[in-house]
Amino acid sequence: MLSLRKVAGPQGELAVTEAGNGDALPLLFLHADSGRAGQWREVQTELAPERRTAALDFRGSGESAPARDGDYTYAGRAGDVTAVLDALGWERCVLVAHSGGGAVALEFAARAQSRVAGLLLVDPPADPRGLPAKVRDGFVRDLAGPQSLQVQQDYYRSIAGDKAETRARVLADCEAVSAEARAGIGQALATWDPEPALQARSGSALILVTPPNDTEHALHRLRPDIPHRIVGGAGHWLQIDQPMVVAQAIRSFVSGFEPA
């Protein structure tokens, strides 16, 4: 049974969906930019009988309050992760992060290595420095403009894959994100240099990638020593399209370093 609670964050109240119990390493799920914790619902429900799990709504997304100071950087959102772990009383966890949430996870892991037993990234963003500056500038401008919701939904429609149910769910989740957050998130991605945080990761890690994101600018090209796995037959939201595949990948990953 999933349950929602609110915890104090550094810039406003944060919504956290919890499930599970036990002494095994807990799992903290981070959602995509302009998403919400519910995008992990199926995977969280599958794994909760085995261990404690929690999924966070980032500031300005889902049921969480917008940031009082307007900070939607990856470093700012990493502060949300710290607040949630502290509120849950978790000294260490396995971070499982999708898309732009992967950038937050990398930032947090670089700052708090001892708290991250393992890091599993699901279709994380490629290095935006591989895009022409004009494209990145246009992305920032459009997500800060009056049609930002439509811009975000149009893009997500194009990468959500063939399942109508997934598309509808992802597009609806965009509507639960504040306009200020959408603009800040766009700025954060466009100006992101992934290498410092990516290179700082020294512990267990795994990257799941869809074929369209297996490009020369993908994170697993920047850190080829981090294991990666190509997963086909799904859109960008792997955990919604193929929750059992993702859940089993998490089980297998954690079994590689968790004490028996």
Protein backbone atom coordinates (compact mmCIF):
# COMPACT_ATOMS: atom_id res chain seq x y z
CA MET A 1 0.00 0.00 0.00
CA LEU A 2 1.42 3.36 -1.05
CA SER A 3 1.03 6.21 1.40
CA LEU A 4 1.66 9.93 0.94
CA ARG A 5 3.34 12.12 3.53
CA LYS A 6 4.68 15.66 3.53
CA VAL A 7 8.11 16.57 4.87
CA ALA A 8 9.89 19.88 5.32
CA GLY A 9 12.18 20.72 2.43
CA PRO A 10 14.81 23.44 2.14
CA GLN A 11 12.49 25.61 0.04
CA GLY A 12 9.02 24.32 0.84
CA GLU A 13 6.99 21.26 1.73
CA LEU A 14 7.86 18.08 -0.18
CA ALA A 15 5.53 15.18 -0.98
CA VAL A 16 6.89 11.66 -0.52
CA THR A 17 5.12 8.41 -1.42
CA GLU A 18 6.21 5.53 0.83
CA ALA A 19 5.73 1.78 0.80
CA GLY A 20 7.42 -1.30 2.21
CA ASN A 21 9.47 -2.17 5.27
CA GLY A 22 12.38 -4.29 6.39
CA ASP A 23 16.10 -3.95 6.98
CA ALA A 24 17.30 -4.24 3.39
CA LEU A 25 18.78 -1.18 1.68
CA PRO A 26 15.90 1.20 0.93
CA LEU A 27 15.16 2.59 -2.53
CA LEU A 28 14.56 6.26 -3.27
CA PHE A 29 12.97 6.95 -6.66
CA LEU A 30 13.46 10.25 -8.50
CA HIS A 31 11.22 11.24 -11.40
CA ALA A 32 11.85 13.01 -14.71
CA ASP A 33 11.80 16.76 -15.24
CA SER A 34 8.18 17.94 -15.36
CA GLY A 35 7.09 14.61 -13.93
CA ARG A 36 5.96 13.33 -10.55
CA ALA A 37 6.56 10.48 -8.12
CA GLY A 38 3.59 8.50 -9.44
CA GLN A 39 5.59 7.66 -12.57
CA TRP A 40 7.33 5.09 -10.36
CA ARG A 41 4.09 3.63 -8.98
CA GLU A 42 4.22 0.21 -10.66
CA VAL A 43 7.89 -0.40 -9.89
CA GLN A 44 7.53 0.84 -6.33
CA THR A 45 4.52 -1.41 -5.75
CA GLU A 46 6.41 -4.40 -7.14
CA LEU A 47 9.46 -3.89 -4.92
CA ALA A 48 7.80 -2.68 -1.70
CA PRO A 49 7.20 -6.22 -0.36
CA GLU A 50 10.98 -6.69 -0.36
CA ARG A 51 12.26 -3.43 1.17
CA ARG A 52 11.42 0.14 2.11
CA THR A 53 10.77 2.44 -0.83
CA ALA A 54 10.01 6.12 -1.29
CA ALA A 55 9.35 8.33 -4.30
CA LEU A 56 9.77 12.09 -4.16
CA ASP A 57 7.86 14.86 -5.91
CA PHE A 58 10.54 17.45 -6.65
CA ARG A 59 9.93 21.07 -5.68
CA GLY A 60 7.25 22.62 -7.88
CA SER A 61 6.10 19.21 -9.17
CA GLY A 62 3.18 16.98 -8.23
CA GLU A 63 2.12 17.59 -4.63
CA SER A 64 5.30 19.44 -3.59
CA ALA A 65 5.41 23.18 -3.04
CA PRO A 66 7.26 25.48 -5.45
CA ALA A 67 10.69 26.65 -4.33
CA ARG A 68 10.42 29.83 -2.31
CA ASP A 69 13.66 31.16 -3.79
CA GLY A 70 12.92 30.00 -7.35
CA ASP A 71 15.90 27.62 -7.38
CA TYR A 72 15.32 24.64 -9.68
CA THR A 73 18.96 23.81 -10.33
CA TYR A 74 20.16 20.24 -9.95
CA ALA A 75 22.07 21.30 -6.84
CA GLY A 76 18.90 22.85 -5.40
CA ARG A 77 16.88 19.72 -6.07
CA ALA A 78 19.67 17.59 -4.60
CA GLY A 79 18.87 19.48 -1.40
CA ASP A 80 15.37 18.01 -1.60
CA VAL A 81 16.91 14.53 -1.64
CA THR A 82 18.90 15.32 1.49
CA ALA A 83 15.78 16.59 3.26
CA VAL A 84 13.80 13.48 2.35
CA LEU A 85 16.50 11.04 3.47
CA ASP A 86 16.84 12.92 6.75
CA ALA A 87 13.07 12.94 7.30
CA LEU A 88 12.84 9.21 6.59
CA GLY A 89 15.81 8.47 8.83
CA TRP A 90 17.72 6.77 6.02
CA GLU A 91 21.48 7.00 6.36
CA ARG A 92 22.07 5.15 3.08
CA CYS A 93 19.91 4.19 0.15
CA VAL A 94 19.93 3.07 -3.45
CA LEU A 95 18.99 5.96 -5.74
CA VAL A 96 16.94 5.05 -8.80
CA ALA A 97 16.40 8.03 -11.06
CA HIS A 98 14.70 8.57 -14.40
CA SER A 99 15.61 11.10 -17.09
CA GLY A 100 16.39 14.54 -15.62
CA GLY A 101 16.09 13.06 -12.15
CA GLY A 102 19.32 11.28 -13.02
CA ALA A 103 21.15 14.60 -13.08
CA VAL A 104 19.81 15.34 -9.59
CA ALA A 105 20.90 11.88 -8.44
CA LEU A 106 24.42 12.41 -9.81
CA GLU A 107 24.65 15.79 -8.10
CA PHE A 108 23.50 14.36 -4.79
CA ALA A 109 25.80 11.34 -5.05
CA ALA A 110 28.80 13.57 -5.77
CA ARG A 111 28.07 15.60 -2.63
CA ALA A 112 27.12 12.69 -0.34
CA GLN A 113 28.91 9.57 -1.60
CA SER A 114 28.53 7.76 1.72
CA ARG A 115 24.73 7.98 1.57
CA VAL A 116 24.40 6.38 -1.88
CA ALA A 117 25.00 2.63 -1.79
CA GLY A 118 24.09 2.32 -5.46
CA LEU A 119 23.03 4.57 -8.32
CA LEU A 120 20.76 3.31 -11.11
CA LEU A 121 19.91 5.77 -13.88
CA VAL A 122 17.02 5.08 -16.23
CA ASP A 123 17.38 6.76 -19.63
CA PRO A 124 19.21 9.81 -18.26
CA PRO A 125 19.65 12.94 -20.39
CA ALA A 126 22.57 13.09 -22.77
CA ASP A 127 25.23 15.77 -22.42
CA PRO A 128 23.45 18.96 -23.58
CA ARG A 129 26.76 20.42 -24.68
CA GLY A 130 26.37 18.19 -27.72
CA LEU A 131 23.49 20.37 -28.92
CA PRO A 132 24.05 23.61 -30.85
CA ALA A 133 23.85 26.67 -28.62
CA LYS A 134 20.95 27.97 -30.71
CA VAL A 135 18.91 24.86 -29.96
CA ARG A 136 19.64 25.06 -26.23
CA ASP A 137 18.80 28.77 -26.11
CA GLY A 138 15.52 28.15 -27.90
CA PHE A 139 14.66 25.38 -25.46
CA VAL A 140 15.21 27.69 -22.49
CA ARG A 141 13.26 30.52 -24.12
CA ASP A 142 10.27 28.35 -25.00
CA LEU A 143 10.01 26.73 -21.56
CA ALA A 144 10.01 30.18 -19.98
CA GLY A 145 7.39 31.51 -22.38
CA PRO A 146 3.59 31.67 -22.24
CA GLN A 147 3.20 28.36 -24.10
CA SER A 148 5.63 26.46 -21.89
CA LEU A 149 3.17 23.71 -20.97
CA GLN A 150 2.32 23.06 -24.61
CA VAL A 151 6.01 23.06 -25.54
CA GLN A 152 6.79 20.53 -22.81
CA GLN A 153 3.84 18.32 -23.70
CA ASP A 154 4.64 18.38 -27.42
CA TYR A 155 8.19 17.24 -26.74
CA TYR A 156 7.13 14.52 -24.31
CA ARG A 157 4.51 13.31 -26.78
CA SER A 158 7.31 12.79 -29.29
CA ILE A 159 9.40 10.57 -26.99
CA ALA A 160 6.75 8.76 -24.94
CA GLY A 161 6.53 5.81 -27.30
CA ASP A 162 3.59 3.91 -28.74
CA LYS A 163 1.44 3.30 -25.67
CA ALA A 164 -1.47 5.74 -25.52
CA GLU A 165 -1.89 5.16 -21.79
CA THR A 166 1.70 6.16 -21.09
CA ARG A 167 1.45 9.28 -23.24
CA ALA A 168 -1.76 10.39 -21.55
CA ARG A 169 -0.31 9.87 -18.11
CA VAL A 170 2.95 11.69 -18.82
CA LEU A 171 1.19 14.64 -20.45
CA ALA A 172 -1.21 14.93 -17.51
CA ASP A 173 1.72 14.92 -15.09
CA CYS A 174 3.16 17.94 -16.92
CA GLU A 175 0.10 19.90 -15.84
CA ALA A 176 0.98 19.33 -12.16
CA VAL A 177 4.23 21.30 -12.54
CA SER A 178 4.36 25.04 -11.88
CA ALA A 179 5.28 27.30 -14.78
CA GLU A 180 8.19 28.64 -12.75
CA ALA A 181 9.48 25.12 -12.22
CA ARG A 182 9.24 24.28 -15.93
CA ALA A 183 11.30 27.36 -16.76
CA GLY A 184 13.89 26.64 -14.08
CA ILE A 185 14.15 23.00 -15.06
CA GLY A 186 14.75 23.95 -18.69
CA GLN A 187 17.51 26.35 -17.69
CA ALA A 188 19.13 23.71 -15.49
CA LEU A 189 19.24 21.12 -18.27
CA ALA A 190 20.45 23.48 -20.97
CA THR A 191 23.39 24.67 -18.87
CA TRP A 192 24.29 21.29 -17.35
CA ASP A 193 27.84 20.01 -17.49
CA PRO A 194 27.47 16.37 -16.42
CA GLU A 195 31.15 15.50 -16.24
CA PRO A 196 32.11 16.71 -12.72
CA ALA A 197 29.33 14.77 -10.95
CA LEU A 198 29.56 11.82 -13.32
CA GLN A 199 33.31 11.47 -12.86
CA ALA A 200 32.93 11.79 -9.10
CA ARG A 201 30.86 8.60 -8.88
CA SER A 202 33.06 5.85 -7.47
CA GLY A 203 30.53 3.33 -6.17
CA SER A 204 28.16 0.86 -7.77
CA ALA A 205 26.24 2.26 -10.73
CA LEU A 206 24.19 1.10 -13.71
CA ILE A 207 22.60 2.96 -16.61
CA LEU A 208 19.54 1.68 -18.52
CA VAL A 209 19.23 3.30 -21.94
CA THR A 210 16.64 3.26 -24.71
CA PRO A 211 17.99 2.95 -28.28
CA PRO A 212 17.22 6.60 -29.25
CA ASN A 213 19.43 7.80 -26.38
CA ASP A 214 22.36 5.52 -27.22
CA THR A 215 24.26 8.38 -28.84
CA GLU A 216 27.80 9.72 -28.82
CA HIS A 217 26.77 12.23 -26.14
CA ALA A 218 25.16 9.68 -23.80
CA LEU A 219 26.44 9.51 -20.23
CA HIS A 220 27.72 5.97 -20.71
CA ARG A 221 30.01 7.32 -23.43
CA LEU A 222 31.45 9.86 -20.98
CA ARG A 223 31.96 7.11 -18.36
CA PRO A 224 32.38 3.88 -20.35
CA ASP A 225 33.50 2.06 -17.20
CA ILE A 226 29.97 2.40 -15.75
CA PRO A 227 27.94 -0.62 -16.91
CA HIS A 228 25.01 0.14 -19.19
CA ARG A 229 22.23 -1.86 -20.74
CA ILE A 230 20.18 -1.04 -23.83
CA VAL A 231 16.46 -1.71 -23.32
CA GLY A 232 14.25 -1.69 -26.40
CA GLY A 233 10.54 -2.00 -26.95
CA ALA A 234 9.57 1.02 -24.87
CA GLY A 235 9.42 4.78 -24.97
CA HIS A 236 11.39 7.12 -22.73
CA TRP A 237 9.31 6.18 -19.65
CA LEU A 238 10.69 2.65 -19.34
CA GLN A 239 9.36 2.23 -15.82
CA ILE A 240 5.78 2.78 -17.01
CA ASP A 241 6.00 0.81 -20.26
CA GLN A 242 8.01 -2.10 -18.84
CA PRO A 243 7.80 -1.95 -15.04
CA MET A 244 8.71 -5.60 -14.50
CA VAL A 245 11.84 -5.25 -16.63
CA VAL A 246 12.94 -2.21 -14.62
CA ALA A 247 12.05 -3.83 -11.29
CA GLN A 248 14.08 -6.91 -12.15
CA ALA A 249 17.01 -4.74 -13.25
CA ILE A 250 16.90 -3.03 -9.85
CA ARG A 251 16.82 -6.38 -8.04
CA SER A 252 19.77 -7.69 -10.02
CA PHE A 253 21.73 -4.46 -9.55
CA VAL A 254 21.23 -4.33 -5.78
CA SER A 255 22.08 -8.02 -5.37
CA GLY A 256 25.55 -7.24 -6.69
CA PHE A 257 26.55 -5.25 -3.60
CA GLU A 258 23.93 -5.81 -0.89
CA PRO A 259 24.96 -8.23 1.86
CA ALA A 260 23.15 -11.57 1.62
